[in-house]
Amino acid sequence: MPPRCFNGIVFDEDFSCALRESKVEIHFTRSERAVLEALAGNARRVMSRGQLLDAIAGPGSDSTDRCVDFVINRLRAKLGDRARTPSFIATRYGEGYVWIAWPTRG
């Protein structure tokens, strides 16, 4: 699968890292990669915290869904995304999160 580009950021196919237009590299943790894969792979579909937690820790994990919120906050910081005016990850209160970035050419 070729690299994926959203809003001027080119992501490696496995979401291990990304490259900004300014050539600054962004590296992602295992949990961040799992959330990116789940969200971008289900673009425009709301994913619950439970679904994202399963992507991070596996079904039946004893982790709490607050773990998902922490990962989302780290991703937003790394991507330069804002919760109030998102470009990548939007919050759907009471439901979960949704990937809203449109693919662009890298």
PDB file of N, CA and C in Angstrom:
ATOM      1  N   MET A   1       0.845  -1.179   0.000  1.00  0.00           N
ATOM      2  CA  MET A   1       0.000   0.000   0.000  1.00  0.00           C
ATOM      3  C   MET A   1       0.892   1.244   0.000  1.00  0.00           C
ATOM      4  N   PRO A   2       0.599   2.218  -0.831  1.00  0.00           N
ATOM      5  CA  PRO A   2       1.424   3.421  -0.897  1.00  0.00           C
ATOM      6  C   PRO A   2       1.207   4.305   0.327  1.00  0.00           C
ATOM      7  N   PRO A   3       2.115   5.265   0.533  1.00  0.00           N
ATOM      8  CA  PRO A   3       1.921   6.203   1.641  1.00  0.00           C
ATOM      9  C   PRO A   3       0.586   6.928   1.504  1.00  0.00           C
ATOM     10  N   ARG A   4       0.064   7.383   2.622  1.00  0.00           N
ATOM     11  CA  ARG A   4      -1.210   8.098   2.639  1.00  0.00           C
ATOM     12  C   ARG A   4      -0.945   9.551   2.978  1.00  0.00           C
ATOM     13  N   CYS A   5      -1.622  10.440   2.286  1.00  0.00           N
ATOM     14  CA  CYS A   5      -1.424  11.865   2.516  1.00  0.00           C
ATOM     15  C   CYS A   5      -2.755  12.510   2.904  1.00  0.00           C
ATOM     16  N   PHE A   6      -2.728  13.239   4.015  1.00  0.00           N
ATOM     17  CA  PHE A   6      -3.893  13.966   4.499  1.00  0.00           C
ATOM     18  C   PHE A   6      -3.447  15.355   4.932  1.00  0.00           C
ATOM     19  N   ASN A   7      -4.120  16.371   4.412  1.00  0.00           N
ATOM     20  CA  ASN A   7      -3.853  17.754   4.828  1.00  0.00           C
ATOM     21  C   ASN A   7      -2.369  18.113   4.800  1.00  0.00           C
ATOM     22  N   GLY A   8      -1.681  17.669   3.778  1.00  0.00           N
ATOM     23  CA  GLY A   8      -0.276  18.026   3.612  1.00  0.00           C
ATOM     24  C   GLY A   8       0.701  17.209   4.431  1.00  0.00           C
ATOM     25  N   ILE A   9       0.232  16.207   5.135  1.00  0.00           N
ATOM     26  CA  ILE A   9       1.117  15.323   5.898  1.00  0.00           C
ATOM     27  C   ILE A   9       1.086  13.952   5.242  1.00  0.00           C
ATOM     28  N   VAL A  10       2.268  13.431   4.913  1.00  0.00           N
ATOM     29  CA  VAL A  10       2.377  12.122   4.268  1.00  0.00           C
ATOM     30  C   VAL A  10       2.700  11.079   5.338  1.00  0.00           C
ATOM     31  N   PHE A  11       1.793  10.123   5.510  1.00  0.00           N
ATOM     32  CA  PHE A  11       1.940   9.075   6.500  1.00  0.00           C
ATOM     33  C   PHE A  11       2.510   7.832   5.843  1.00  0.00           C
ATOM     34  N   ASP A  12       3.445   7.157   6.540  1.00  0.00           N
ATOM     35  CA  ASP A  12       3.904   5.854   6.066  1.00  0.00           C
ATOM     36  C   ASP A  12       2.715   4.916   6.016  1.00  0.00           C
ATOM     37  N   GLU A  13       2.809   3.895   5.190  1.00  0.00           N
ATOM     38  CA  GLU A  13       1.682   2.972   5.031  1.00  0.00           C
ATOM     39  C   GLU A  13       1.280   2.310   6.338  1.00  0.00           C
ATOM     40  N   ASP A  14       2.221   2.113   7.263  1.00  0.00           N
ATOM     41  CA  ASP A  14       1.899   1.485   8.551  1.00  0.00           C
ATOM     42  C   ASP A  14       1.718   2.512   9.674  1.00  0.00           C
ATOM     43  N   PHE A  15       1.682   3.781   9.315  1.00  0.00           N
ATOM     44  CA  PHE A  15       1.506   4.882  10.264  1.00  0.00           C
ATOM     45  C   PHE A  15       2.600   4.934  11.331  1.00  0.00           C
ATOM     46  N   SER A  16       3.790   4.397  11.042  1.00  0.00           N
ATOM     47  CA  SER A  16       4.879   4.467  12.011  1.00  0.00           C
ATOM     48  C   SER A  16       5.452   5.871  12.107  1.00  0.00           C
ATOM     49  N   CYS A  17       5.402   6.607  11.021  1.00  0.00           N
ATOM     50  CA  CYS A  17       5.846   7.992  11.040  1.00  0.00           C
ATOM     51  C   CYS A  17       5.167   8.750   9.902  1.00  0.00           C
ATOM     52  N   ALA A  18       5.369  10.045   9.906  1.00  0.00           N
ATOM     53  CA  ALA A  18       4.777  10.898   8.882  1.00  0.00           C
ATOM     54  C   ALA A  18       5.741  12.030   8.588  1.00  0.00           C
ATOM     55  N   LEU A  19       5.531  12.675   7.468  1.00  0.00           N
ATOM     56  CA  LEU A  19       6.405  13.775   7.042  1.00  0.00           C
ATOM     57  C   LEU A  19       5.550  14.979   6.699  1.00  0.00           C
ATOM     58  N   ARG A  20       5.834  16.089   7.374  1.00  0.00           N
ATOM     59  CA  ARG A  20       5.128  17.338   7.078  1.00  0.00           C
ATOM     60  C   ARG A  20       5.676  17.953   5.797  1.00  0.00           C
ATOM     61  N   GLU A  21       4.940  18.888   5.225  1.00  0.00           N
ATOM     62  CA  GLU A  21       5.416  19.589   4.036  1.00  0.00           C
ATOM     63  C   GLU A  21       6.750  20.272   4.299  1.00  0.00           C
ATOM     64  N   SER A  22       6.972  20.676   5.547  1.00  0.00           N
ATOM     65  CA  SER A  22       8.218  21.344   5.936  1.00  0.00           C
ATOM     66  C   SER A  22       9.369  20.355   6.114  1.00  0.00           C
ATOM     67  N   LYS A  23       9.126  19.085   5.801  1.00  0.00           N
ATOM     68  CA  LYS A  23      10.103  17.986   5.904  1.00  0.00           C
ATOM     69  C   LYS A  23      10.416  17.603   7.347  1.00  0.00           C
ATOM     70  N   VAL A  24       9.588  18.008   8.277  1.00  0.00           N
ATOM     71  CA  VAL A  24       9.734  17.604   9.673  1.00  0.00           C
ATOM     72  C   VAL A  24       9.052  16.253   9.857  1.00  0.00           C
ATOM     73  N   GLU A  25       9.797  15.301  10.435  1.00  0.00           N
ATOM     74  CA  GLU A  25       9.250  13.966  10.667  1.00  0.00           C
ATOM     75  C   GLU A  25       8.482  13.905  11.978  1.00  0.00           C
ATOM     76  N   ILE A  26       7.409  13.132  11.954  1.00  0.00           N
ATOM     77  CA  ILE A  26       6.612  12.876  13.144  1.00  0.00           C
ATOM     78  C   ILE A  26       6.658  11.365  13.375  1.00  0.00           C
ATOM     79  N   HIS A  27       7.002  10.958  14.585  1.00  0.00           N
ATOM     80  CA  HIS A  27       7.033   9.527  14.916  1.00  0.00           C
ATOM     81  C   HIS A  27       5.877   9.208  15.849  1.00  0.00           C
ATOM     82  N   PHE A  28       5.296   8.026  15.666  1.00  0.00           N
ATOM     83  CA  PHE A  28       4.136   7.620  16.442  1.00  0.00           C
ATOM     84  C   PHE A  28       4.435   6.375  17.262  1.00  0.00           C
ATOM     85  N   THR A  29       3.838   6.316  18.448  1.00  0.00           N
ATOM     86  CA  THR A  29       3.967   5.135  19.306  1.00  0.00           C
ATOM     87  C   THR A  29       3.070   4.028  18.761  1.00  0.00           C
ATOM     88  N   ARG A  30       3.195   2.843  19.340  1.00  0.00           N
ATOM     89  CA  ARG A  30       2.364   1.717  18.924  1.00  0.00           C
ATOM     90  C   ARG A  30       0.883   2.039  19.097  1.00  0.00           C
ATOM     91  N   SER A  31       0.521   2.629  20.221  1.00  0.00           N
ATOM     92  CA  SER A  31      -0.883   2.983  20.476  1.00  0.00           C
ATOM     93  C   SER A  31      -1.369   4.047  19.494  1.00  0.00           C
ATOM     94  N   GLU A  32      -0.541   5.035  19.233  1.00  0.00           N
ATOM     95  CA  GLU A  32      -0.914   6.077  18.278  1.00  0.00           C
ATOM     96  C   GLU A  32      -1.109   5.496  16.886  1.00  0.00           C
ATOM     97  N   ARG A  33      -0.227   4.591  16.484  1.00  0.00           N
ATOM     98  CA  ARG A  33      -0.365   3.940  15.171  1.00  0.00           C
ATOM     99  C   ARG A  33      -1.665   3.163  15.086  1.00  0.00           C
ATOM    100  N   ALA A  34      -2.002   2.446  16.144  1.00  0.00           N
ATOM    101  CA  ALA A  34      -3.229   1.648  16.148  1.00  0.00           C
ATOM    102  C   ALA A  34      -4.462   2.538  16.005  1.00  0.00           C
ATOM    103  N   VAL A  35      -4.471   3.666  16.692  1.00  0.00           N
ATOM    104  CA  VAL A  35      -5.612   4.587  16.602  1.00  0.00           C
ATOM    105  C   VAL A  35      -5.664   5.228  15.226  1.00  0.00           C
ATOM    106  N   LEU A  36      -4.517   5.658  14.696  1.00  0.00           N
ATOM    107  CA  LEU A  36      -4.494   6.241  13.345  1.00  0.00           C
ATOM    108  C   LEU A  36      -5.010   5.251  12.311  1.00  0.00           C
ATOM    109  N   GLU A  37      -4.551   4.021  12.399  1.00  0.00           N
ATOM    110  CA  GLU A  37      -4.982   2.978  11.453  1.00  0.00           C
ATOM    111  C   GLU A  37      -6.488   2.769  11.542  1.00  0.00           C
ATOM    112  N   ALA A  38      -7.001   2.693  12.761  1.00  0.00           N
ATOM    113  CA  ALA A  38      -8.436   2.465  12.952  1.00  0.00           C
ATOM    114  C   ALA A  38      -9.257   3.649  12.440  1.00  0.00           C
ATOM    115  N   LEU A  39      -8.850   4.852  12.795  1.00  0.00           N
ATOM    116  CA  LEU A  39      -9.623   6.030  12.392  1.00  0.00           C
ATOM    117  C   LEU A  39      -9.542   6.278  10.887  1.00  0.00           C
ATOM    118  N   ALA A  40      -8.324   6.313  10.341  1.00  0.00           N
ATOM    119  CA  ALA A  40      -8.166   6.596   8.908  1.00  0.00           C
ATOM    120  C   ALA A  40      -8.753   5.477   8.058  1.00  0.00           C
ATOM    121  N   GLY A  41      -8.697   4.258   8.555  1.00  0.00           N
ATOM    122  CA  GLY A  41      -9.274   3.128   7.839  1.00  0.00           C
ATOM    123  C   GLY A  41     -10.794   3.113   7.860  1.00  0.00           C
ATOM    124  N   ASN A  42     -11.376   3.924   8.715  1.00  0.00           N
ATOM    125  CA  ASN A  42     -12.829   4.039   8.823  1.00  0.00           C
ATOM    126  C   ASN A  42     -13.236   5.509   8.715  1.00  0.00           C
ATOM    127  N   ALA A  43     -12.595   6.201   7.787  1.00  0.00           N
ATOM    128  CA  ALA A  43     -12.819   7.643   7.635  1.00  0.00           C
ATOM    129  C   ALA A  43     -14.303   7.964   7.511  1.00  0.00           C
ATOM    130  N   ARG A  44     -14.671   9.048   8.159  1.00  0.00           N
ATOM    131  CA  ARG A  44     -16.048   9.568   8.144  1.00  0.00           C
ATOM    132  C   ARG A  44     -17.032   8.696   8.912  1.00  0.00           C
ATOM    133  N   ARG A  45     -16.527   7.685   9.619  1.00  0.00           N
ATOM    134  CA  ARG A  45     -17.384   6.851  10.464  1.00  0.00           C
ATOM    135  C   ARG A  45     -16.988   7.071  11.912  1.00  0.00           C
ATOM    136  N   VAL A  46     -17.960   7.303  12.755  1.00  0.00           N
ATOM    137  CA  VAL A  46     -17.679   7.486  14.176  1.00  0.00           C
ATOM    138  C   VAL A  46     -17.215   6.166  14.767  1.00  0.00           C
ATOM    139  N   MET A  47     -16.107   6.231  15.506  1.00  0.00           N
ATOM    140  CA  MET A  47     -15.602   5.060  16.211  1.00  0.00           C
ATOM    141  C   MET A  47     -15.704   5.335  17.702  1.00  0.00           C
ATOM    142  N   SER A  48     -16.306   4.413  18.420  1.00  0.00           N
ATOM    143  CA  SER A  48     -16.476   4.578  19.864  1.00  0.00           C
ATOM    144  C   SER A  48     -15.132   4.421  20.572  1.00  0.00           C
ATOM    145  N   ARG A  49     -15.070   4.903  21.797  1.00  0.00           N
ATOM    146  CA  ARG A  49     -13.863   4.709  22.603  1.00  0.00           C
ATOM    147  C   ARG A  49     -13.591   3.214  22.773  1.00  0.00           C
ATOM    148  N   GLY A  50     -14.642   2.429  22.925  1.00  0.00           N
ATOM    149  CA  GLY A  50     -14.469   0.980  23.067  1.00  0.00           C
ATOM    150  C   GLY A  50     -13.819   0.357  21.847  1.00  0.00           C
ATOM    151  N   GLN A  51     -14.243   0.775  20.667  1.00  0.00           N
ATOM    152  CA  GLN A  51     -13.638   0.244  19.436  1.00  0.00           C
ATOM    153  C   GLN A  51     -12.172   0.652  19.343  1.00  0.00           C
ATOM    154  N   LEU A  52     -11.877   1.894  19.694  1.00  0.00           N
ATOM    155  CA  LEU A  52     -10.488   2.355  19.629  1.00  0.00           C
ATOM    156  C   LEU A  52      -9.643   1.691  20.711  1.00  0.00           C
ATOM    157  N   LEU A  53     -10.223   1.455  21.871  1.00  0.00           N
ATOM    158  CA  LEU A  53      -9.508   0.752  22.933  1.00  0.00           C
ATOM    159  C   LEU A  53      -9.176  -0.668  22.496  1.00  0.00           C
ATOM    160  N   ASP A  54     -10.108  -1.328  21.811  1.00  0.00           N
ATOM    161  CA  ASP A  54      -9.829  -2.658  21.270  1.00  0.00           C
ATOM    162  C   ASP A  54      -8.676  -2.617  20.276  1.00  0.00           C
ATOM    163  N   ALA A  55      -8.593  -1.550  19.476  1.00  0.00           N
ATOM    164  CA  ALA A  55      -7.493  -1.408  18.506  1.00  0.00           C
ATOM    165  C   ALA A  55      -6.158  -1.237  19.230  1.00  0.00           C
ATOM    166  N   ILE A  56      -6.184  -0.541  20.368  1.00  0.00           N
ATOM    167  CA  ILE A  56      -4.954  -0.277  21.124  1.00  0.00           C
ATOM    168  C   ILE A  56      -4.521  -1.503  21.924  1.00  0.00           C
ATOM    169  N   ALA A  57      -5.439  -2.043  22.717  1.00  0.00           N
ATOM    170  CA  ALA A  57      -5.070  -3.049  23.708  1.00  0.00           C
ATOM    171  C   ALA A  57      -5.632  -4.435  23.430  1.00  0.00           C
ATOM    172  N   GLY A  58      -6.502  -4.553  22.444  1.00  0.00           N
ATOM    173  CA  GLY A  58      -7.105  -5.841  22.142  1.00  0.00           C
ATOM    174  C   GLY A  58      -8.414  -6.026  22.884  1.00  0.00           C
ATOM    175  N   PRO A  59      -9.317  -6.801  22.312  1.00  0.00           N
ATOM    176  CA  PRO A  59     -10.604  -7.047  22.959  1.00  0.00           C
ATOM    177  C   PRO A  59     -10.433  -7.665  24.343  1.00  0.00           C
ATOM    178  N   GLY A  60     -11.260  -7.239  25.280  1.00  0.00           N
ATOM    179  CA  GLY A  60     -11.225  -7.797  26.624  1.00  0.00           C
ATOM    180  C   GLY A  60     -10.158  -7.212  27.523  1.00  0.00           C
ATOM    181  N   SER A  61      -9.489  -6.161  27.069  1.00  0.00           N
ATOM    182  CA  SER A  61      -8.444  -5.544  27.874  1.00  0.00           C
ATOM    183  C   SER A  61      -9.047  -4.904  29.121  1.00  0.00           C
ATOM    184  N   ASP A  62      -8.247  -4.817  30.177  1.00  0.00           N
ATOM    185  CA  ASP A  62      -8.730  -4.164  31.386  1.00  0.00           C
ATOM    186  C   ASP A  62      -8.379  -2.677  31.418  1.00  0.00           C
ATOM    187  N   SER A  63      -7.863  -2.138  30.323  1.00  0.00           N
ATOM    188  CA  SER A  63      -7.579  -0.705  30.224  1.00  0.00           C
ATOM    189  C   SER A  63      -8.889   0.064  30.189  1.00  0.00           C
ATOM    190  N   THR A  64      -8.821   1.318  30.599  1.00  0.00           N
ATOM    191  CA  THR A  64     -10.030   2.141  30.582  1.00  0.00           C
ATOM    192  C   THR A  64     -10.099   2.947  29.282  1.00  0.00           C
ATOM    193  N   ASP A  65     -11.302   3.393  28.960  1.00  0.00           N
ATOM    194  CA  ASP A  65     -11.444   4.160  27.722  1.00  0.00           C
ATOM    195  C   ASP A  65     -10.827   5.545  27.821  1.00  0.00           C
ATOM    196  N   ARG A  66     -10.439   5.992  29.022  1.00  0.00           N
ATOM    197  CA  ARG A  66      -9.703   7.255  29.163  1.00  0.00           C
ATOM    198  C   ARG A  66      -8.344   7.151  28.468  1.00  0.00           C
ATOM    199  N   CYS A  67      -7.824   5.944  28.376  1.00  0.00           N
ATOM    200  CA  CYS A  67      -6.571   5.706  27.653  1.00  0.00           C
ATOM    201  C   CYS A  67      -6.698   6.214  26.221  1.00  0.00           C
ATOM    202  N   VAL A  68      -7.848   6.002  25.622  1.00  0.00           N
ATOM    203  CA  VAL A  68      -8.102   6.459  24.253  1.00  0.00           C
ATOM    204  C   VAL A  68      -8.022   7.985  24.189  1.00  0.00           C
ATOM    205  N   ASP A  69      -8.612   8.658  25.169  1.00  0.00           N
ATOM    206  CA  ASP A  69      -8.580  10.124  25.186  1.00  0.00           C
ATOM    207  C   ASP A  69      -7.143  10.642  25.254  1.00  0.00           C
ATOM    208  N   PHE A  70      -6.299   9.994  26.047  1.00  0.00           N
ATOM    209  CA  PHE A  70      -4.899  10.402  26.146  1.00  0.00           C
ATOM    210  C   PHE A  70      -4.180  10.228  24.806  1.00  0.00           C
ATOM    211  N   VAL A  71      -4.428   9.108  24.140  1.00  0.00           N
ATOM    212  CA  VAL A  71      -3.797   8.863  22.835  1.00  0.00           C
ATOM    213  C   VAL A  71      -4.289   9.892  21.815  1.00  0.00           C
ATOM    214  N   ILE A  72      -5.576  10.184  21.808  1.00  0.00           N
ATOM    215  CA  ILE A  72      -6.123  11.182  20.891  1.00  0.00           C
ATOM    216  C   ILE A  72      -5.472  12.542  21.147  1.00  0.00           C
ATOM    217  N   ASN A  73      -5.326  12.921  22.409  1.00  0.00           N
ATOM    218  CA  ASN A  73      -4.689  14.203  22.737  1.00  0.00           C
ATOM    219  C   ASN A  73      -3.251  14.254  22.254  1.00  0.00           C
ATOM    220  N   ARG A  74      -2.506  13.150  22.412  1.00  0.00           N
ATOM    221  CA  ARG A  74      -1.119  13.115  21.914  1.00  0.00           C
ATOM    222  C   ARG A  74      -1.084  13.224  20.396  1.00  0.00           C
ATOM    223  N   LEU A  75      -1.997  12.520  19.719  1.00  0.00           N
ATOM    224  CA  LEU A  75      -2.044  12.590  18.254  1.00  0.00           C
ATOM    225  C   LEU A  75      -2.359  14.007  17.789  1.00  0.00           C
ATOM    226  N   ARG A  76      -3.338  14.629  18.430  1.00  0.00           N
ATOM    227  CA  ARG A  76      -3.685  16.001  18.050  1.00  0.00           C
ATOM    228  C   ARG A  76      -2.487  16.934  18.210  1.00  0.00           C
ATOM    229  N   ALA A  77      -1.746  16.770  19.289  1.00  0.00           N
ATOM    230  CA  ALA A  77      -0.566  17.603  19.507  1.00  0.00           C
ATOM    231  C   ALA A  77       0.473  17.371  18.410  1.00  0.00           C
ATOM    232  N   LYS A  78       0.719  16.130  18.068  1.00  0.00           N
ATOM    233  CA  LYS A  78       1.717  15.814  17.046  1.00  0.00           C
ATOM    234  C   LYS A  78       1.290  16.281  15.654  1.00  0.00           C
ATOM    235  N   LEU A  79      -0.008  16.206  15.375  1.00  0.00           N
ATOM    236  CA  LEU A  79      -0.517  16.591  14.054  1.00  0.00           C
ATOM    237  C   LEU A  79      -0.827  18.090  13.949  1.00  0.00           C
ATOM    238  N   GLY A  80      -0.758  18.797  15.069  1.00  0.00           N
ATOM    239  CA  GLY A  80      -1.113  20.213  15.061  1.00  0.00           C
ATOM    240  C   GLY A  80      -2.609  20.404  14.909  1.00  0.00           C
ATOM    241  N   ASP A  81      -3.374  19.446  15.400  1.00  0.00           N
ATOM    242  CA  ASP A  81      -4.825  19.463  15.289  1.00  0.00           C
ATOM    243  C   ASP A  81      -5.413  20.067  16.558  1.00  0.00           C
ATOM    244  N   ARG A  82      -6.545  20.728  16.427  1.00  0.00           N
ATOM    245  CA  ARG A  82      -7.208  21.325  17.589  1.00  0.00           C
ATOM    246  C   ARG A  82      -8.580  20.707  17.763  1.00  0.00           C
ATOM    247  N   ALA A  83      -8.922  20.426  19.010  1.00  0.00           N
ATOM    248  CA  ALA A  83     -10.208  19.786  19.292  1.00  0.00           C
ATOM    249  C   ALA A  83     -11.381  20.667  18.868  1.00  0.00           C
ATOM    250  N   ARG A  84     -11.258  21.968  19.046  1.00  0.00           N
ATOM    251  CA  ARG A  84     -12.372  22.873  18.725  1.00  0.00           C
ATOM    252  C   ARG A  84     -12.514  23.145  17.231  1.00  0.00           C
ATOM    253  N   THR A  85     -11.398  23.098  16.513  1.00  0.00           N
ATOM    254  CA  THR A  85     -11.413  23.306  15.052  1.00  0.00           C
ATOM    255  C   THR A  85     -10.553  22.223  14.399  1.00  0.00           C
ATOM    256  N   PRO A  86     -11.036  20.991  14.398  1.00  0.00           N
ATOM    257  CA  PRO A  86     -10.208  19.873  13.938  1.00  0.00           C
ATOM    258  C   PRO A  86     -10.022  19.832  12.421  1.00  0.00           C
ATOM    259  N   SER A  87      -8.875  19.299  12.044  1.00  0.00           N
ATOM    260  CA  SER A  87      -8.571  19.027  10.639  1.00  0.00           C
ATOM    261  C   SER A  87      -8.412  17.536  10.388  1.00  0.00           C
ATOM    262  N   PHE A  88      -8.141  16.792  11.458  1.00  0.00           N
ATOM    263  CA  PHE A  88      -7.909  15.354  11.345  1.00  0.00           C
ATOM    264  C   PHE A  88      -8.926  14.535  12.145  1.00  0.00           C
ATOM    265  N   ILE A  89      -8.975  14.786  13.444  1.00  0.00           N
ATOM    266  CA  ILE A  89      -9.792  13.966  14.345  1.00  0.00           C
ATOM    267  C   ILE A  89     -10.836  14.839  15.026  1.00  0.00           C
ATOM    268  N   ALA A  90     -12.093  14.542  14.776  1.00  0.00           N
ATOM    269  CA  ALA A  90     -13.184  15.286  15.403  1.00  0.00           C
ATOM    270  C   ALA A  90     -13.794  14.448  16.528  1.00  0.00           C
ATOM    271  N   THR A  91     -14.221  15.137  17.564  1.00  0.00           N
ATOM    272  CA  THR A  91     -14.907  14.489  18.678  1.00  0.00           C
ATOM    273  C   THR A  91     -16.403  14.508  18.412  1.00  0.00           C
ATOM    274  N   ARG A  92     -17.035  13.396  18.610  1.00  0.00           N
ATOM    275  CA  ARG A  92     -18.488  13.313  18.561  1.00  0.00           C
ATOM    276  C   ARG A  92     -18.932  13.003  19.984  1.00  0.00           C
ATOM    277  N   TYR A  93     -19.315  14.052  20.696  1.00  0.00           N
ATOM    278  CA  TYR A  93     -19.632  13.929  22.112  1.00  0.00           C
ATOM    279  C   TYR A  93     -20.684  12.862  22.364  1.00  0.00           C
ATOM    280  N   GLY A  94     -20.383  12.002  23.322  1.00  0.00           N
ATOM    281  CA  GLY A  94     -21.273  10.911  23.664  1.00  0.00           C
ATOM    282  C   GLY A  94     -21.174   9.716  22.726  1.00  0.00           C
ATOM    283  N   GLU A  95     -20.359   9.850  21.656  1.00  0.00           N
ATOM    284  CA  GLU A  95     -20.242   8.769  20.671  1.00  0.00           C
ATOM    285  C   GLU A  95     -18.816   8.270  20.512  1.00  0.00           C
ATOM    286  N   GLY A  96     -17.865   9.165  20.300  1.00  0.00           N
ATOM    287  CA  GLY A  96     -16.487   8.764  20.077  1.00  0.00           C
ATOM    288  C   GLY A  96     -15.751   9.769  19.221  1.00  0.00           C
ATOM    289  N   TYR A  97     -14.942   9.255  18.302  1.00  0.00           N
ATOM    290  CA  TYR A  97     -14.098  10.090  17.446  1.00  0.00           C
ATOM    291  C   TYR A  97     -14.280   9.695  15.987  1.00  0.00           C
ATOM    292  N   VAL A  98     -13.989  10.647  15.098  1.00  0.00           N
ATOM    293  CA  VAL A  98     -14.125  10.384  13.667  1.00  0.00           C
ATOM    294  C   VAL A  98     -12.976  11.053  12.920  1.00  0.00           C
ATOM    295  N   TRP A  99     -12.432  10.344  11.933  1.00  0.00           N
ATOM    296  CA  TRP A  99     -11.369  10.870  11.059  1.00  0.00           C
ATOM    297  C   TRP A  99     -12.050  11.715   9.994  1.00  0.00           C
ATOM    298  N   ILE A 100     -11.743  13.009   9.939  1.00  0.00           N
ATOM    299  CA  ILE A 100     -12.403  13.909   9.022  1.00  0.00           C
ATOM    300  C   ILE A 100     -11.492  14.431   7.916  1.00  0.00           C
ATOM    301  N   ALA A 101     -10.210  14.083   7.954  1.00  0.00           N
ATOM    302  CA  ALA A 101      -9.264  14.583   6.959  1.00  0.00           C
ATOM    303  C   ALA A 101      -9.512  13.924   5.598  1.00  0.00           C
ATOM    304  N   TRP A 102      -9.526  14.746   4.581  1.00  0.00           N
ATOM    305  CA  TRP A 102      -9.673  14.229   3.218  1.00  0.00           C
ATOM    306  C   TRP A 102      -8.299  13.878   2.678  1.00  0.00           C
ATOM    307  N   PRO A 103      -8.192  12.781   1.929  1.00  0.00           N
ATOM    308  CA  PRO A 103      -6.910  12.437   1.316  1.00  0.00           C
ATOM    309  C   PRO A 103      -6.495  13.516   0.303  1.00  0.00           C
ATOM    310  N   THR A 104      -5.204  13.772   0.260  1.00  0.00           N
ATOM    311  CA  THR A 104      -4.631  14.701  -0.710  1.00  0.00           C
ATOM    312  C   THR A 104      -3.460  14.016  -1.394  1.00  0.00           C
ATOM    313  N   ARG A 105      -2.972  14.635  -2.410  1.00  0.00           N
ATOM    314  CA  ARG A 105      -1.803  14.079  -3.115  1.00  0.00           C
ATOM    315  C   ARG A 105      -0.544  14.440  -2.344  1.00  0.00           C
ATOM    316  N   GLY A 106       0.361  13.462  -2.245  1.00  0.00           N
ATOM    317  CA  GLY A 106       1.603  13.668  -1.480  1.00  0.00           C
ATOM    318  C   GLY A 106       2.648  14.404  -2.260  1.00  0.00           C
TER     319      GLY A 106
END
